[in-house]
C-alpha atoms as a PDB file:
ATOM      1  CA  UNK A   1     -30.542 -11.786   9.852  1.00  0.00           C
ATOM      2  CA  UNK A   2     -29.986  -8.683  12.012  1.00  0.00           C
ATOM      3  CA  UNK A   3     -30.036  -5.071  10.822  1.00  0.00           C
ATOM      4  CA  UNK A   4     -26.252  -4.840  10.467  1.00  0.00           C
ATOM      5  CA  UNK A   5     -26.192  -7.893   8.232  1.00  0.00           C
ATOM      6  CA  UNK A   6     -29.060  -6.514   6.143  1.00  0.00           C
ATOM      7  CA  UNK A   7     -27.260  -3.190   5.721  1.00  0.00           C
ATOM      8  CA  UNK A   8     -24.053  -4.897   4.596  1.00  0.00           C
ATOM      9  CA  UNK A   9     -26.006  -6.855   1.983  1.00  0.00           C
ATOM     10  CA  UNK A  10     -27.420  -3.725   0.356  1.00  0.00           C
ATOM     11  CA  UNK A  11     -25.611  -2.537  -2.798  1.00  0.00           C
ATOM     12  CA  UNK A  12     -25.118   1.018  -1.499  1.00  0.00           C
ATOM     13  CA  UNK A  13     -23.472  -0.260   1.681  1.00  0.00           C
ATOM     14  CA  UNK A  14     -21.276  -2.598  -0.340  1.00  0.00           C
ATOM     15  CA  UNK A  15     -20.174   0.388  -2.407  1.00  0.00           C
ATOM     16  CA  UNK A  16     -19.284   2.411   0.681  1.00  0.00           C
ATOM     17  CA  UNK A  17     -17.354  -0.564   2.062  1.00  0.00           C
ATOM     18  CA  UNK A  18     -15.324  -0.664  -1.163  1.00  0.00           C
ATOM     19  CA  UNK A  19     -14.339   2.997  -0.897  1.00  0.00           C
ATOM     20  CA  UNK A  20     -14.079   3.220   2.904  1.00  0.00           C
ATOM     21  CA  UNK A  21     -16.415   6.181   3.412  1.00  0.00           C
ATOM     22  CA  UNK A  22     -18.759   8.479   1.524  1.00  0.00           C
ATOM     23  CA  UNK A  23     -16.133  11.222   1.153  1.00  0.00           C
ATOM     24  CA  UNK A  24     -13.728   8.896  -0.631  1.00  0.00           C
ATOM     25  CA  UNK A  25     -16.581   7.650  -2.828  1.00  0.00           C
ATOM     26  CA  UNK A  26     -17.546  11.242  -3.687  1.00  0.00           C
ATOM     27  CA  UNK A  27     -13.963  12.201  -4.539  1.00  0.00           C
ATOM     28  CA  UNK A  28     -13.582   9.062  -6.680  1.00  0.00           C
ATOM     29  CA  UNK A  29     -16.784   9.971  -8.550  1.00  0.00           C
ATOM     30  CA  UNK A  30     -15.510  13.527  -9.027  1.00  0.00           C
ATOM     31  CA  UNK A  31     -12.192  12.265 -10.399  1.00  0.00           C
ATOM     32  CA  UNK A  32     -14.074   9.935 -12.760  1.00  0.00           C
ATOM     33  CA  UNK A  33     -16.158  12.838 -14.066  1.00  0.00           C
ATOM     34  CA  UNK A  34     -13.057  15.023 -14.409  1.00  0.00           C
ATOM     35  CA  UNK A  35     -11.303  12.329 -16.448  1.00  0.00           C
ATOM     36  CA  UNK A  36     -14.303  12.103 -18.781  1.00  0.00           C
ATOM     37  CA  UNK A  37     -14.388  15.869 -19.307  1.00  0.00           C
ATOM     38  CA  UNK A  38     -10.627  16.134 -19.896  1.00  0.00           C
ATOM     39  CA  UNK A  39     -10.509  13.126 -22.211  1.00  0.00           C
ATOM     40  CA  UNK A  40     -13.740  13.323 -24.158  1.00  0.00           C
ATOM     41  CA  UNK A  41     -14.545  17.048 -24.284  1.00  0.00           C
ATOM     42  CA  UNK A  42     -11.318  19.016 -23.765  1.00  0.00           C
ATOM     43  CA  UNK A  43      -8.837  16.854 -25.674  1.00  0.00           C
ATOM     44  CA  UNK A  44      -6.807  18.407 -28.492  1.00  0.00           C
ATOM     45  CA  UNK A  45      -7.046  16.273 -31.630  1.00  0.00           C
ATOM     46  CA  UNK A  46      -3.721  16.239 -33.499  1.00  0.00           C
ATOM     47  CA  UNK A  47      -4.849  13.660 -36.091  1.00  0.00           C
ATOM     48  CA  UNK A  48      -7.658  11.098 -36.280  1.00  0.00           C
ATOM     49  CA  UNK A  49      -5.486   8.721 -34.244  1.00  0.00           C
ATOM     50  CA  UNK A  50      -3.559  11.140 -32.016  1.00  0.00           C
ATOM     51  CA  UNK A  51      -4.758  13.569 -29.387  1.00  0.00           C
ATOM     52  CA  UNK A  52      -3.402  15.443 -26.415  1.00  0.00           C
ATOM     53  CA  UNK A  53      -5.372  15.234 -23.188  1.00  0.00           C
ATOM     54  CA  UNK A  54      -4.969  15.030 -19.440  1.00  0.00           C
ATOM     55  CA  UNK A  55      -7.634  12.358 -18.975  1.00  0.00           C
ATOM     56  CA  UNK A  56      -5.161  10.150 -17.104  1.00  0.00           C
ATOM     57  CA  UNK A  57      -4.357  12.797 -14.494  1.00  0.00           C
ATOM     58  CA  UNK A  58      -7.485  12.144 -12.353  1.00  0.00           C
ATOM     59  CA  UNK A  59      -6.965   8.369 -12.698  1.00  0.00           C
ATOM     60  CA  UNK A  60      -3.373   8.617 -11.483  1.00  0.00           C
ATOM     61  CA  UNK A  61      -4.511  10.892  -8.662  1.00  0.00           C
ATOM     62  CA  UNK A  62      -7.135   8.342  -7.597  1.00  0.00           C
ATOM     63  CA  UNK A  63      -4.487   5.621  -7.464  1.00  0.00           C
ATOM     64  CA  UNK A  64      -1.973   7.737  -5.557  1.00  0.00           C
ATOM     65  CA  UNK A  65      -4.585   9.073  -3.131  1.00  0.00           C
ATOM     66  CA  UNK A  66      -6.595   5.934  -2.401  1.00  0.00           C
ATOM     67  CA  UNK A  67      -4.691   2.906  -3.686  1.00  0.00           C
ATOM     68  CA  UNK A  68      -4.784   0.499  -6.653  1.00  0.00           C
ATOM     69  CA  UNK A  69      -8.367  -0.759  -6.243  1.00  0.00           C
ATOM     70  CA  UNK A  70     -10.009   2.658  -6.337  1.00  0.00           C
ATOM     71  CA  UNK A  71      -7.552   3.837  -8.990  1.00  0.00           C
ATOM     72  CA  UNK A  72      -8.523   0.911 -11.201  1.00  0.00           C
ATOM     73  CA  UNK A  73     -12.247   1.497 -10.656  1.00  0.00           C
ATOM     74  CA  UNK A  74     -11.917   5.182 -11.557  1.00  0.00           C
ATOM     75  CA  UNK A  75      -9.916   4.370 -14.702  1.00  0.00           C
ATOM     76  CA  UNK A  76     -12.319   1.725 -15.983  1.00  0.00           C
ATOM     77  CA  UNK A  77     -15.432   3.740 -15.090  1.00  0.00           C
ATOM     78  CA  UNK A  78     -14.109   6.887 -16.776  1.00  0.00           C
ATOM     79  CA  UNK A  79     -13.392   5.048 -20.026  1.00  0.00           C
ATOM     80  CA  UNK A  80     -16.648   3.065 -20.135  1.00  0.00           C
ATOM     81  CA  UNK A  81     -18.961   5.918 -19.108  1.00  0.00           C
ATOM     82  CA  UNK A  82     -17.101   8.386 -21.314  1.00  0.00           C
ATOM     83  CA  UNK A  83     -17.500   6.166 -24.382  1.00  0.00           C
ATOM     84  CA  UNK A  84     -21.238   5.856 -23.765  1.00  0.00           C
ATOM     85  CA  UNK A  85     -21.617   9.614 -23.294  1.00  0.00           C
ATOM     86  CA  UNK A  86     -19.943  10.601 -26.562  1.00  0.00           C
ATOM     87  CA  UNK A  87     -20.938   7.559 -28.617  1.00  0.00           C
ATOM     88  CA  UNK A  88     -17.491   6.008 -29.020  1.00  0.00           C
ATOM     89  CA  UNK A  89     -17.264   2.282 -29.686  1.00  0.00           C
ATOM     90  CA  UNK A  90     -15.982   0.254 -26.743  1.00  0.00           C
ATOM     91  CA  UNK A  91     -12.423  -1.045 -26.947  1.00  0.00           C
ATOM     92  CA  UNK A  92     -11.780  -3.496 -24.082  1.00  0.00           C
ATOM     93  CA  UNK A  93      -8.008  -3.294 -24.502  1.00  0.00           C
ATOM     94  CA  UNK A  94      -8.067   0.481 -24.072  1.00  0.00           C
ATOM     95  CA  UNK A  95     -10.428   0.085 -21.099  1.00  0.00           C
ATOM     96  CA  UNK A  96      -7.953  -2.364 -19.579  1.00  0.00           C
ATOM     97  CA  UNK A  97      -5.180   0.166 -20.130  1.00  0.00           C
ATOM     98  CA  UNK A  98      -7.185   2.908 -18.404  1.00  0.00           C
ATOM     99  CA  UNK A  99      -7.908   0.599 -15.476  1.00  0.00           C
ATOM    100  CA  UNK A 100      -4.264  -0.433 -15.113  1.00  0.00           C
ATOM    101  CA  UNK A 101      -3.123   3.194 -15.069  1.00  0.00           C
ATOM    102  CA  UNK A 102      -4.964   3.548 -11.758  1.00  0.00           C
ATOM    103  CA  UNK A 103      -3.819   0.144 -10.512  1.00  0.00           C
ATOM    104  CA  UNK A 104      -0.138   0.754 -11.287  1.00  0.00           C
ATOM    105  CA  UNK A 105      -0.198   4.270  -9.835  1.00  0.00           C
ATOM    106  CA  UNK A 106      -1.863   3.056  -6.666  1.00  0.00           C
ATOM    107  CA  UNK A 107       0.338  -0.008  -6.249  1.00  0.00           C
ATOM    108  CA  UNK A 108       3.611   1.884  -6.543  1.00  0.00           C
ATOM    109  CA  UNK A 109       2.416   4.927  -4.644  1.00  0.00           C
ATOM    110  CA  UNK A 110       0.957   2.996  -1.722  1.00  0.00           C
ATOM    111  CA  UNK A 111       3.322   0.048  -1.378  1.00  0.00           C
ATOM    112  CA  UNK A 112       6.686   1.227  -2.712  1.00  0.00           C
ATOM    113  CA  UNK A 113       6.420   4.431  -0.668  1.00  0.00           C
ATOM    114  CA  UNK A 114       4.105   3.495   2.232  1.00  0.00           C
ATOM    115  CA  UNK A 115       5.279   6.039   4.807  1.00  0.00           C
ATOM    116  CA  UNK A 116       3.332   9.281   5.046  1.00  0.00           C
ATOM    117  CA  UNK A 117       6.510  11.396   5.003  1.00  0.00           C
ATOM    118  CA  UNK A 118       7.270  10.003   1.532  1.00  0.00           C
ATOM    119  CA  UNK A 119       4.040  11.405   0.062  1.00  0.00           C
ATOM    120  CA  UNK A 120       5.791  14.543  -1.126  1.00  0.00           C
ATOM    121  CA  UNK A 121       8.877  12.736  -2.417  1.00  0.00           C
ATOM    122  CA  UNK A 122       9.485  13.277  -6.121  1.00  0.00           C
ATOM    123  CA  UNK A 123       9.968   9.537  -6.941  1.00  0.00           C
ATOM    124  CA  UNK A 124       6.613   8.673  -5.307  1.00  0.00           C
ATOM    125  CA  UNK A 125       4.871  10.854  -7.880  1.00  0.00           C
ATOM    126  CA  UNK A 126       6.971  10.632 -11.029  1.00  0.00           C
ATOM    127  CA  UNK A 127       7.775   6.896 -10.882  1.00  0.00           C
ATOM    128  CA  UNK A 128       4.079   5.827 -10.914  1.00  0.00           C
ATOM    129  CA  UNK A 129       3.290   8.421 -13.589  1.00  0.00           C
ATOM    130  CA  UNK A 130       6.165   7.234 -15.796  1.00  0.00           C
ATOM    131  CA  UNK A 131       5.433   3.513 -15.449  1.00  0.00           C
ATOM    132  CA  UNK A 132       1.680   3.998 -15.923  1.00  0.00           C
ATOM    133  CA  UNK A 133       2.233   5.855 -19.196  1.00  0.00           C
ATOM    134  CA  UNK A 134       4.974   3.553 -20.501  1.00  0.00           C
ATOM    135  CA  UNK A 135       3.058   0.335 -19.785  1.00  0.00           C
ATOM    136  CA  UNK A 136      -0.500   1.509 -20.395  1.00  0.00           C
ATOM    137  CA  UNK A 137      -0.653   4.675 -22.508  1.00  0.00           C
ATOM    138  CA  UNK A 138       2.244   3.826 -24.832  1.00  0.00           C
ATOM    139  CA  UNK A 139       1.902   0.040 -24.601  1.00  0.00           C
ATOM    140  CA  UNK A 140      -1.533  -1.424 -23.882  1.00  0.00           C
ATOM    141  CA  UNK A 141      -3.633   1.402 -25.336  1.00  0.00           C
ATOM    142  CA  UNK A 142      -1.495   1.536 -28.474  1.00  0.00           C
ATOM    143  CA  UNK A 143      -1.986  -2.218 -28.871  1.00  0.00           C
ATOM    144  CA  UNK A 144      -5.740  -1.679 -28.562  1.00  0.00           C
ATOM    145  CA  UNK A 145      -5.650   0.902 -31.350  1.00  0.00           C
ATOM    146  CA  UNK A 146      -3.723  -1.485 -33.604  1.00  0.00           C
ATOM    147  CA  UNK A 147      -5.960  -4.492 -32.926  1.00  0.00           C
ATOM    148  CA  UNK A 148      -9.341  -2.737 -33.097  1.00  0.00           C
ATOM    149  CA  UNK A 149      -8.741   0.208 -35.436  1.00  0.00           C
ATOM    150  CA  UNK A 150      -5.769  -0.915 -37.520  1.00  0.00           C
ATOM    151  CA  UNK A 151      -3.771   2.184 -36.624  1.00  0.00           C
ATOM    152  CA  UNK A 152      -0.218   1.845 -38.019  1.00  0.00           C
ATOM    153  CA  UNK A 153       2.775   1.788 -35.669  1.00  0.00           C
ATOM    154  CA  UNK A 154       4.349   4.686 -37.569  1.00  0.00           C
ATOM    155  CA  UNK A 155       1.604   6.983 -36.312  1.00  0.00           C
ATOM    156  CA  UNK A 156       1.419   5.521 -32.819  1.00  0.00           C
ATOM    157  CA  UNK A 157       5.141   6.086 -32.236  1.00  0.00           C
ATOM    158  CA  UNK A 158       4.254   9.777 -32.025  1.00  0.00           C
ATOM    159  CA  UNK A 159       2.358   8.967 -28.825  1.00  0.00           C
ATOM    160  CA  UNK A 160       5.728   8.662 -27.052  1.00  0.00           C
ATOM    161  CA  UNK A 161       6.654  12.389 -27.055  1.00  0.00           C
ATOM    162  CA  UNK A 162       3.025  13.297 -26.340  1.00  0.00           C
ATOM    163  CA  UNK A 163       2.958  11.188 -23.178  1.00  0.00           C
ATOM    164  CA  UNK A 164       6.423  12.332 -22.135  1.00  0.00           C
ATOM    165  CA  UNK A 165       5.072  15.889 -22.174  1.00  0.00           C
ATOM    166  CA  UNK A 166       1.760  15.085 -20.473  1.00  0.00           C
ATOM    167  CA  UNK A 167       3.467  12.827 -17.914  1.00  0.00           C
ATOM    168  CA  UNK A 168       5.848  15.590 -16.832  1.00  0.00           C
ATOM    169  CA  UNK A 169       2.968  18.064 -16.597  1.00  0.00           C
ATOM    170  CA  UNK A 170       0.804  15.607 -14.625  1.00  0.00           C
ATOM    171  CA  UNK A 171       3.628  14.792 -12.221  1.00  0.00           C
ATOM    172  CA  UNK A 172       4.309  18.469 -11.610  1.00  0.00           C
ATOM    173  CA  UNK A 173       0.638  19.231 -10.914  1.00  0.00           C
ATOM    174  CA  UNK A 174       0.343  16.308  -8.483  1.00  0.00           C
ATOM    175  CA  UNK A 175       3.547  17.417  -6.721  1.00  0.00           C
ATOM    176  CA  UNK A 176       2.043  20.871  -6.229  1.00  0.00           C
ATOM    177  CA  UNK A 177      -1.022  19.297  -4.600  1.00  0.00           C
ATOM    178  CA  UNK A 178       1.001  17.058  -2.291  1.00  0.00           C
ATOM    179  CA  UNK A 179       3.219  19.954  -1.217  1.00  0.00           C
ATOM    180  CA  UNK A 180       0.210  22.051  -0.289  1.00  0.00           C
ATOM    181  CA  UNK A 181      -0.080  21.481   3.463  1.00  0.00           C
ATOM    182  CA  UNK A 182      -3.818  22.188   3.574  1.00  0.00           C
ATOM    183  CA  UNK A 183      -4.554  19.731   0.772  1.00  0.00           C
ATOM    184  CA  UNK A 184      -2.263  16.964   2.045  1.00  0.00           C
ATOM    185  CA  UNK A 185      -3.636  17.375   5.576  1.00  0.00           C
ATOM    186  CA  UNK A 186      -7.239  17.126   4.375  1.00  0.00           C
ATOM    187  CA  UNK A 187      -6.435  14.106   2.208  1.00  0.00           C
ATOM    188  CA  UNK A 188      -4.697  12.392   5.122  1.00  0.00           C
ATOM    189  CA  UNK A 189      -7.743  12.892   7.362  1.00  0.00           C
ATOM    190  CA  UNK A 190     -10.129  11.549   4.715  1.00  0.00           C
ATOM    191  CA  UNK A 191      -7.999   8.448   4.137  1.00  0.00           C
ATOM    192  CA  UNK A 192      -7.535   7.832   7.881  1.00  0.00           C
ATOM    193  CA  UNK A 193     -11.268   8.156   8.501  1.00  0.00           C
ATOM    194  CA  UNK A 194     -11.984   5.737   5.674  1.00  0.00           C
ATOM    195  CA  UNK A 195      -9.644   3.136   7.151  1.00  0.00           C
ATOM    196  CA  UNK A 196     -11.216   3.577  10.602  1.00  0.00           C
ATOM    197  CA  UNK A 197     -14.761   3.202   9.255  1.00  0.00           C
ATOM    198  CA  UNK A 198     -13.773   0.125   7.259  1.00  0.00           C
ATOM    199  CA  UNK A 199     -12.290  -1.550  10.353  1.00  0.00           C
ATOM    200  CA  UNK A 200     -15.461  -0.840  12.316  1.00  0.00           C
ATOM    201  CA  UNK A 201     -17.625  -2.423   9.609  1.00  0.00           C
ATOM    202  CA  UNK A 202     -15.393  -5.473   9.402  1.00  0.00           C
END
């Protein structure tokens, strides 16, 4: 086995291969940490079963920036690590919902609007945000709360206006980032470099 093969077999090199380059890995880790802080420490508790938070914003950003795989990893990691940090019991259905928020955002953002000039298009941002919240936040996560915690539907229906509000706010914030030429240019260079490095390794 030569040195290149040995390096590829190491866990740290496998991790870099997953993300494309160290910069993408670092940004993904930062977005994971940001989701934990927003969801577990800065959330506004309305009732025992309802809260307002922007924990999904970094997950959606990860999906839109880097695609469904990294978006899913960030979503799952943020939920699992966050639960351990604050002592919450694990709910695999909610973890699945968090993961799929990143997957759905990344899938629609990357494949429904693949051209770079579409990055700043309003549908490329708001369509993934809307579908991610409808399917995952209002659907899958609500199901997880019913199955594991016995939360009644009458209370969970109030999650709809909450996620309409947070979804609009999240979409607007992401649009501001994409329309910032410095930010979008830097993001484009990071993604392009990651793809180049991945091709070289393959």
